[in-house]
Amino acid sequence: MKDLKSERISYSKSLKESLEKVVNVLSCLDEVEKVSLVGSFSRGRADLFTDLDIVVIMRTDQGVLERLRTLYPMLNLPVDYDLFCYTPREIEACKDRSFFKQLMLNEVVLYEKKRSRRRIEMAGTSL
């Protein structure tokens, strides 16, 4: 049982370190307007089955697959993660859809260009 506990603690640390990397890498890209965390980790869940669900809003003419082919290798995180990458126009078009509303329900903004802010806080825990 002790091994499972230490594994859980180690994985939780990897999740937090991965978020730091996400912000550091993506905030350096001129095209990136906003980076948010959604899903279970944004609600404070951090166990061995937790992944990172990251929403990126970027100004680009690339198609969605091309965007993801660019971003995934840049991040190369040691934990499971999913990227949802939208343009500002796509966000506007889908903001009223139920899937998107559910996705963004517990959004934690990690970086937002227009306010020049960097923040990694969630569920009362500062990372």
N, C-alpha and C. Protein backbone atom coordinates (compact mmCIF):
# COMPACT_ATOMS: atom_id res chain seq x y z
N MET A 1 0.81 -1.19 0.00
CA MET A 1 0.00 0.00 0.00
C MET A 1 0.86 1.26 0.00
N LYS A 2 1.98 1.21 0.68
CA LYS A 2 2.87 2.36 0.75
C LYS A 2 3.42 2.71 -0.63
N ASP A 3 3.73 1.70 -1.44
CA ASP A 3 4.24 1.94 -2.78
C ASP A 3 3.22 2.69 -3.63
N LEU A 4 1.95 2.32 -3.51
CA LEU A 4 0.89 2.98 -4.25
C LEU A 4 0.77 4.44 -3.84
N LYS A 5 0.90 4.71 -2.55
CA LYS A 5 0.82 6.08 -2.06
C LYS A 5 1.98 6.91 -2.61
N SER A 6 3.18 6.38 -2.58
CA SER A 6 4.33 7.13 -3.09
C SER A 6 4.23 7.31 -4.61
N GLU A 7 3.68 6.33 -5.29
CA GLU A 7 3.47 6.45 -6.74
C GLU A 7 2.46 7.55 -7.04
N ARG A 8 1.41 7.62 -6.25
CA ARG A 8 0.38 8.64 -6.42
C ARG A 8 0.97 10.04 -6.17
N ILE A 9 1.77 10.17 -5.15
CA ILE A 9 2.42 11.45 -4.83
C ILE A 9 3.36 11.86 -5.95
N SER A 10 4.12 10.91 -6.45
CA SER A 10 5.05 11.18 -7.54
C SER A 10 4.32 11.62 -8.81
N TYR A 11 3.21 10.94 -9.12
CA TYR A 11 2.44 11.28 -10.31
C TYR A 11 1.80 12.65 -10.17
N SER A 12 1.31 12.97 -9.00
CA SER A 12 0.73 14.28 -8.73
C SER A 12 1.77 15.37 -8.95
N LYS A 13 2.97 15.12 -8.51
CA LYS A 13 4.08 16.06 -8.73
C LYS A 13 4.36 16.21 -10.22
N SER A 14 4.34 15.11 -10.94
CA SER A 14 4.56 15.16 -12.40
C SER A 14 3.47 15.96 -13.11
N LEU A 15 2.23 15.84 -12.64
CA LEU A 15 1.14 16.63 -13.22
C LEU A 15 1.40 18.12 -13.04
N LYS A 16 1.79 18.51 -11.84
CA LYS A 16 2.05 19.92 -11.55
C LYS A 16 3.24 20.44 -12.35
N GLU A 17 4.30 19.65 -12.43
CA GLU A 17 5.47 20.06 -13.21
C GLU A 17 5.13 20.16 -14.69
N SER A 18 4.27 19.28 -15.16
CA SER A 18 3.84 19.33 -16.55
C SER A 18 3.07 20.60 -16.86
N LEU A 19 2.24 21.04 -15.92
CA LEU A 19 1.52 22.30 -16.10
C LEU A 19 2.48 23.47 -16.21
N GLU A 20 3.50 23.46 -15.40
CA GLU A 20 4.53 24.51 -15.48
C GLU A 20 5.15 24.53 -16.88
N LYS A 21 5.46 23.36 -17.39
CA LYS A 21 6.05 23.27 -18.72
C LYS A 21 5.08 23.78 -19.79
N VAL A 22 3.82 23.40 -19.67
CA VAL A 22 2.80 23.86 -20.63
C VAL A 22 2.79 25.38 -20.69
N VAL A 23 2.74 26.02 -19.53
CA VAL A 23 2.71 27.49 -19.49
C VAL A 23 4.00 28.08 -20.04
N ASN A 24 5.13 27.54 -19.63
CA ASN A 24 6.41 28.06 -20.09
C ASN A 24 6.58 27.95 -21.61
N VAL A 25 6.18 26.84 -22.17
CA VAL A 25 6.34 26.63 -23.61
C VAL A 25 5.32 27.43 -24.41
N LEU A 26 4.05 27.32 -24.04
CA LEU A 26 3.02 27.94 -24.86
C LEU A 26 2.94 29.46 -24.70
N SER A 27 3.31 29.98 -23.56
CA SER A 27 3.26 31.43 -23.38
C SER A 27 4.34 32.14 -24.20
N CYS A 28 5.31 31.41 -24.69
CA CYS A 28 6.36 32.00 -25.53
C CYS A 28 5.96 32.08 -27.00
N LEU A 29 4.87 31.45 -27.37
CA LEU A 29 4.43 31.48 -28.76
C LEU A 29 3.54 32.69 -29.00
N ASP A 30 3.91 33.51 -29.97
CA ASP A 30 3.14 34.73 -30.27
C ASP A 30 1.69 34.44 -30.60
N GLU A 31 1.42 33.30 -31.23
CA GLU A 31 0.06 32.97 -31.67
C GLU A 31 -0.87 32.60 -30.52
N VAL A 32 -0.32 32.16 -29.41
CA VAL A 32 -1.14 31.67 -28.30
C VAL A 32 -1.71 32.84 -27.51
N GLU A 33 -3.05 32.85 -27.43
CA GLU A 33 -3.76 33.90 -26.72
C GLU A 33 -4.10 33.49 -25.29
N LYS A 34 -4.40 32.21 -25.11
CA LYS A 34 -4.87 31.75 -23.80
C LYS A 34 -4.61 30.26 -23.65
N VAL A 35 -4.28 29.85 -22.43
CA VAL A 35 -4.10 28.45 -22.09
C VAL A 35 -4.90 28.19 -20.82
N SER A 36 -5.75 27.18 -20.85
CA SER A 36 -6.58 26.86 -19.70
C SER A 36 -6.51 25.37 -19.39
N LEU A 37 -6.80 25.08 -18.16
CA LEU A 37 -6.91 23.70 -17.70
C LEU A 37 -8.38 23.43 -17.44
N VAL A 38 -8.87 22.30 -17.93
CA VAL A 38 -10.24 21.87 -17.68
C VAL A 38 -10.19 20.41 -17.23
N GLY A 39 -11.32 19.85 -16.90
CA GLY A 39 -11.37 18.44 -16.55
C GLY A 39 -11.11 18.17 -15.08
N SER A 40 -10.81 16.92 -14.78
CA SER A 40 -10.72 16.48 -13.39
C SER A 40 -9.61 17.16 -12.59
N PHE A 41 -8.47 17.42 -13.21
CA PHE A 41 -7.37 18.04 -12.47
C PHE A 41 -7.72 19.48 -12.10
N SER A 42 -8.49 20.16 -12.95
CA SER A 42 -8.92 21.53 -12.62
C SER A 42 -9.89 21.53 -11.45
N ARG A 43 -10.52 20.38 -11.20
CA ARG A 43 -11.44 20.26 -10.06
C ARG A 43 -10.73 19.73 -8.81
N GLY A 44 -9.42 19.54 -8.90
CA GLY A 44 -8.65 19.13 -7.73
C GLY A 44 -8.34 17.65 -7.64
N ARG A 45 -8.75 16.88 -8.63
CA ARG A 45 -8.48 15.44 -8.60
C ARG A 45 -7.06 15.18 -9.10
N ALA A 46 -6.30 14.43 -8.34
CA ALA A 46 -4.92 14.11 -8.73
C ALA A 46 -4.60 12.70 -8.28
N ASP A 47 -5.01 11.73 -9.08
CA ASP A 47 -4.67 10.34 -8.77
C ASP A 47 -4.00 9.72 -9.99
N LEU A 48 -3.76 8.44 -9.93
CA LEU A 48 -3.04 7.77 -11.02
C LEU A 48 -3.83 7.69 -12.32
N PHE A 49 -5.11 7.99 -12.27
CA PHE A 49 -5.94 7.95 -13.48
C PHE A 49 -6.23 9.35 -14.02
N THR A 50 -5.65 10.36 -13.41
CA THR A 50 -5.87 11.74 -13.82
C THR A 50 -4.97 12.10 -14.99
N ASP A 51 -5.55 12.78 -15.96
CA ASP A 51 -4.74 13.34 -17.04
C ASP A 51 -4.93 14.84 -17.05
N LEU A 52 -4.21 15.53 -17.90
CA LEU A 52 -4.38 16.97 -18.05
C LEU A 52 -5.21 17.23 -19.30
N ASP A 53 -6.21 18.05 -19.16
CA ASP A 53 -7.03 18.47 -20.29
C ASP A 53 -6.76 19.95 -20.48
N ILE A 54 -6.08 20.28 -21.57
CA ILE A 54 -5.58 21.63 -21.80
C ILE A 54 -6.28 22.24 -23.01
N VAL A 55 -6.81 23.43 -22.82
CA VAL A 55 -7.45 24.17 -23.90
C VAL A 55 -6.51 25.30 -24.29
N VAL A 56 -6.19 25.36 -25.57
CA VAL A 56 -5.31 26.40 -26.11
C VAL A 56 -6.10 27.21 -27.13
N ILE A 57 -6.06 28.51 -26.98
CA ILE A 57 -6.67 29.39 -27.98
C ILE A 57 -5.52 30.11 -28.67
N MET A 58 -5.45 29.94 -29.98
CA MET A 58 -4.36 30.57 -30.72
C MET A 58 -4.83 31.11 -32.06
N ARG A 59 -4.20 32.19 -32.45
CA ARG A 59 -4.47 32.79 -33.75
C ARG A 59 -3.60 32.09 -34.78
N THR A 60 -4.25 31.43 -35.72
CA THR A 60 -3.52 30.69 -36.73
C THR A 60 -4.44 30.39 -37.91
N ASP A 61 -3.83 30.15 -39.04
CA ASP A 61 -4.57 29.71 -40.23
C ASP A 61 -4.47 28.20 -40.40
N GLN A 62 -3.70 27.54 -39.54
CA GLN A 62 -3.54 26.09 -39.62
C GLN A 62 -4.85 25.39 -39.30
N GLY A 63 -5.05 24.23 -39.90
CA GLY A 63 -6.18 23.39 -39.55
C GLY A 63 -5.95 22.76 -38.19
N VAL A 64 -7.00 22.21 -37.63
CA VAL A 64 -6.91 21.67 -36.26
C VAL A 64 -5.86 20.56 -36.14
N LEU A 65 -5.79 19.65 -37.10
CA LEU A 65 -4.80 18.57 -37.01
C LEU A 65 -3.38 19.09 -37.12
N GLU A 66 -3.18 20.05 -37.99
CA GLU A 66 -1.85 20.64 -38.13
C GLU A 66 -1.43 21.35 -36.84
N ARG A 67 -2.38 22.03 -36.20
CA ARG A 67 -2.09 22.69 -34.92
C ARG A 67 -1.63 21.68 -33.88
N LEU A 68 -2.39 20.58 -33.79
CA LEU A 68 -2.05 19.56 -32.80
C LEU A 68 -0.72 18.88 -33.11
N ARG A 69 -0.46 18.66 -34.41
CA ARG A 69 0.84 18.08 -34.80
C ARG A 69 2.00 18.99 -34.43
N THR A 70 1.75 20.26 -34.35
CA THR A 70 2.78 21.22 -33.95
C THR A 70 2.94 21.26 -32.44
N LEU A 71 1.82 21.30 -31.72
CA LEU A 71 1.87 21.51 -30.26
C LEU A 71 2.29 20.27 -29.47
N TYR A 72 1.76 19.10 -29.83
CA TYR A 72 2.09 17.90 -29.03
C TYR A 72 3.60 17.66 -28.91
N PRO A 73 4.36 17.69 -30.01
CA PRO A 73 5.80 17.46 -29.86
C PRO A 73 6.51 18.57 -29.06
N MET A 74 6.00 19.78 -29.13
CA MET A 74 6.61 20.87 -28.36
C MET A 74 6.48 20.62 -26.86
N LEU A 75 5.36 20.04 -26.47
CA LEU A 75 5.11 19.81 -25.04
C LEU A 75 5.76 18.52 -24.56
N ASN A 76 5.51 17.42 -25.26
CA ASN A 76 6.13 16.14 -24.92
C ASN A 76 6.14 15.89 -23.40
N LEU A 77 4.95 15.89 -22.81
CA LEU A 77 4.82 15.76 -21.36
C LEU A 77 4.96 14.31 -20.88
N PRO A 78 5.43 14.12 -19.65
CA PRO A 78 5.59 12.77 -19.10
C PRO A 78 4.30 12.18 -18.53
N VAL A 79 3.19 12.91 -18.65
CA VAL A 79 1.90 12.45 -18.14
C VAL A 79 0.91 12.39 -19.30
N ASP A 80 -0.20 11.72 -19.09
CA ASP A 80 -1.25 11.68 -20.10
C ASP A 80 -1.90 13.06 -20.19
N TYR A 81 -2.16 13.51 -21.42
CA TYR A 81 -2.80 14.80 -21.59
C TYR A 81 -3.53 14.86 -22.92
N ASP A 82 -4.54 15.71 -22.94
CA ASP A 82 -5.30 15.97 -24.16
C ASP A 82 -5.27 17.46 -24.42
N LEU A 83 -5.05 17.81 -25.68
CA LEU A 83 -5.08 19.21 -26.10
C LEU A 83 -6.34 19.49 -26.89
N PHE A 84 -6.98 20.57 -26.57
CA PHE A 84 -8.10 21.08 -27.34
C PHE A 84 -7.63 22.44 -27.84
N CYS A 85 -7.38 22.56 -29.12
CA CYS A 85 -6.81 23.78 -29.66
C CYS A 85 -7.81 24.45 -30.61
N TYR A 86 -8.18 25.67 -30.25
CA TYR A 86 -9.17 26.43 -31.01
C TYR A 86 -8.60 27.78 -31.43
N THR A 87 -9.14 28.32 -32.50
CA THR A 87 -8.87 29.71 -32.85
C THR A 87 -9.92 30.57 -32.14
N PRO A 88 -9.69 31.87 -32.02
CA PRO A 88 -10.72 32.72 -31.40
C PRO A 88 -12.06 32.63 -32.14
N ARG A 89 -12.02 32.52 -33.44
CA ARG A 89 -13.26 32.40 -34.23
C ARG A 89 -13.99 31.10 -33.90
N GLU A 90 -13.24 30.00 -33.76
CA GLU A 90 -13.86 28.71 -33.41
C GLU A 90 -14.47 28.75 -32.02
N ILE A 91 -13.78 29.40 -31.10
CA ILE A 91 -14.32 29.55 -29.73
C ILE A 91 -15.64 30.29 -29.77
N GLU A 92 -15.67 31.37 -30.51
CA GLU A 92 -16.90 32.16 -30.62
C GLU A 92 -18.03 31.33 -31.20
N ALA A 93 -17.72 30.53 -32.21
CA ALA A 93 -18.74 29.73 -32.88
C ALA A 93 -19.29 28.61 -32.02
N CYS A 94 -18.51 28.09 -31.09
CA CYS A 94 -18.97 26.93 -30.31
C CYS A 94 -19.23 27.22 -28.84
N LYS A 95 -19.10 28.46 -28.41
CA LYS A 95 -19.22 28.78 -26.98
C LYS A 95 -20.59 28.45 -26.38
N ASP A 96 -21.63 28.39 -27.21
CA ASP A 96 -22.97 28.09 -26.69
C ASP A 96 -23.35 26.62 -26.81
N ARG A 97 -22.48 25.82 -27.37
CA ARG A 97 -22.77 24.38 -27.51
C ARG A 97 -22.58 23.68 -26.16
N SER A 98 -23.42 22.70 -25.91
CA SER A 98 -23.41 22.03 -24.60
C SER A 98 -22.08 21.34 -24.30
N PHE A 99 -21.45 20.70 -25.32
CA PHE A 99 -20.15 20.05 -25.09
C PHE A 99 -19.13 21.07 -24.62
N PHE A 100 -19.08 22.21 -25.29
CA PHE A 100 -18.10 23.23 -24.95
C PHE A 100 -18.38 23.83 -23.58
N LYS A 101 -19.65 24.08 -23.29
CA LYS A 101 -20.00 24.60 -21.97
C LYS A 101 -19.56 23.64 -20.87
N GLN A 102 -19.79 22.34 -21.10
CA GLN A 102 -19.40 21.33 -20.12
C GLN A 102 -17.87 21.28 -19.99
N LEU A 103 -17.19 21.37 -21.12
CA LEU A 103 -15.73 21.34 -21.14
C LEU A 103 -15.15 22.48 -20.30
N MET A 104 -15.75 23.66 -20.43
CA MET A 104 -15.22 24.86 -19.79
C MET A 104 -15.80 25.12 -18.40
N LEU A 105 -16.63 24.23 -17.91
CA LEU A 105 -17.31 24.42 -16.64
C LEU A 105 -16.36 24.74 -15.49
N ASN A 106 -15.25 24.05 -15.41
CA ASN A 106 -14.29 24.24 -14.33
C ASN A 106 -12.96 24.78 -14.85
N GLU A 107 -13.04 25.66 -15.82
CA GLU A 107 -11.83 26.20 -16.44
C GLU A 107 -10.97 26.94 -15.42
N VAL A 108 -9.67 26.66 -15.48
CA VAL A 108 -8.67 27.39 -14.71
C VAL A 108 -7.73 28.01 -15.74
N VAL A 109 -7.72 29.33 -15.81
CA VAL A 109 -6.87 30.01 -16.78
C VAL A 109 -5.43 29.96 -16.26
N LEU A 110 -4.55 29.40 -17.08
CA LEU A 110 -3.14 29.30 -16.72
C LEU A 110 -2.32 30.45 -17.29
N TYR A 111 -2.73 30.91 -18.47
CA TYR A 111 -2.04 32.01 -19.15
C TYR A 111 -3.04 32.71 -20.05
N GLU A 112 -2.96 34.03 -20.07
CA GLU A 112 -3.80 34.80 -20.98
C GLU A 112 -3.00 35.99 -21.45
N LYS A 113 -2.80 36.05 -22.76
CA LYS A 113 -1.92 37.05 -23.35
C LYS A 113 -2.39 38.48 -23.13
N LYS A 114 -3.65 38.73 -23.35
CA LYS A 114 -4.12 40.12 -23.31
C LYS A 114 -3.95 40.77 -21.95
N ARG A 115 -3.88 39.97 -20.94
CA ARG A 115 -3.68 40.52 -19.59
C ARG A 115 -2.26 40.29 -19.11
N SER A 116 -1.44 39.68 -19.99
CA SER A 116 -0.06 39.38 -19.65
C SER A 116 0.06 38.74 -18.27
N ARG A 117 -0.74 37.73 -18.05
CA ARG A 117 -0.69 37.10 -16.75
C ARG A 117 -0.33 35.63 -16.89
N ARG A 118 0.30 35.14 -15.87
CA ARG A 118 0.61 33.73 -15.76
C ARG A 118 0.09 33.30 -14.40
N ARG A 119 -0.69 32.26 -14.43
CA ARG A 119 -1.25 31.81 -13.16
C ARG A 119 -1.41 30.30 -13.21
N ILE A 120 -0.99 29.67 -12.15
CA ILE A 120 -1.26 28.26 -12.00
C ILE A 120 -1.79 28.08 -10.59
N GLU A 121 -3.11 28.17 -10.51
CA GLU A 121 -3.79 27.96 -9.25
C GLU A 121 -4.98 27.09 -9.54
N MET A 122 -5.32 26.20 -8.67
CA MET A 122 -6.51 25.42 -8.87
C MET A 122 -6.96 24.79 -7.57
N ALA A 123 -8.23 24.70 -7.43
CA ALA A 123 -8.84 24.04 -6.28
C ALA A 123 -8.19 24.45 -4.96
N GLY A 124 -7.86 25.75 -4.86
CA GLY A 124 -7.29 26.25 -3.61
C GLY A 124 -5.84 25.87 -3.40
N THR A 125 -5.21 25.25 -4.39
CA THR A 125 -3.82 24.82 -4.25
C THR A 125 -2.98 25.62 -5.21
N SER A 126 -1.97 26.26 -4.72
CA SER A 126 -1.07 26.99 -5.58
C SER A 126 0.03 26.04 -6.04
N LEU A 127 0.25 26.02 -7.35
CA LEU A 127 1.27 25.11 -7.88
C LEU A 127 2.56 25.84 -8.11
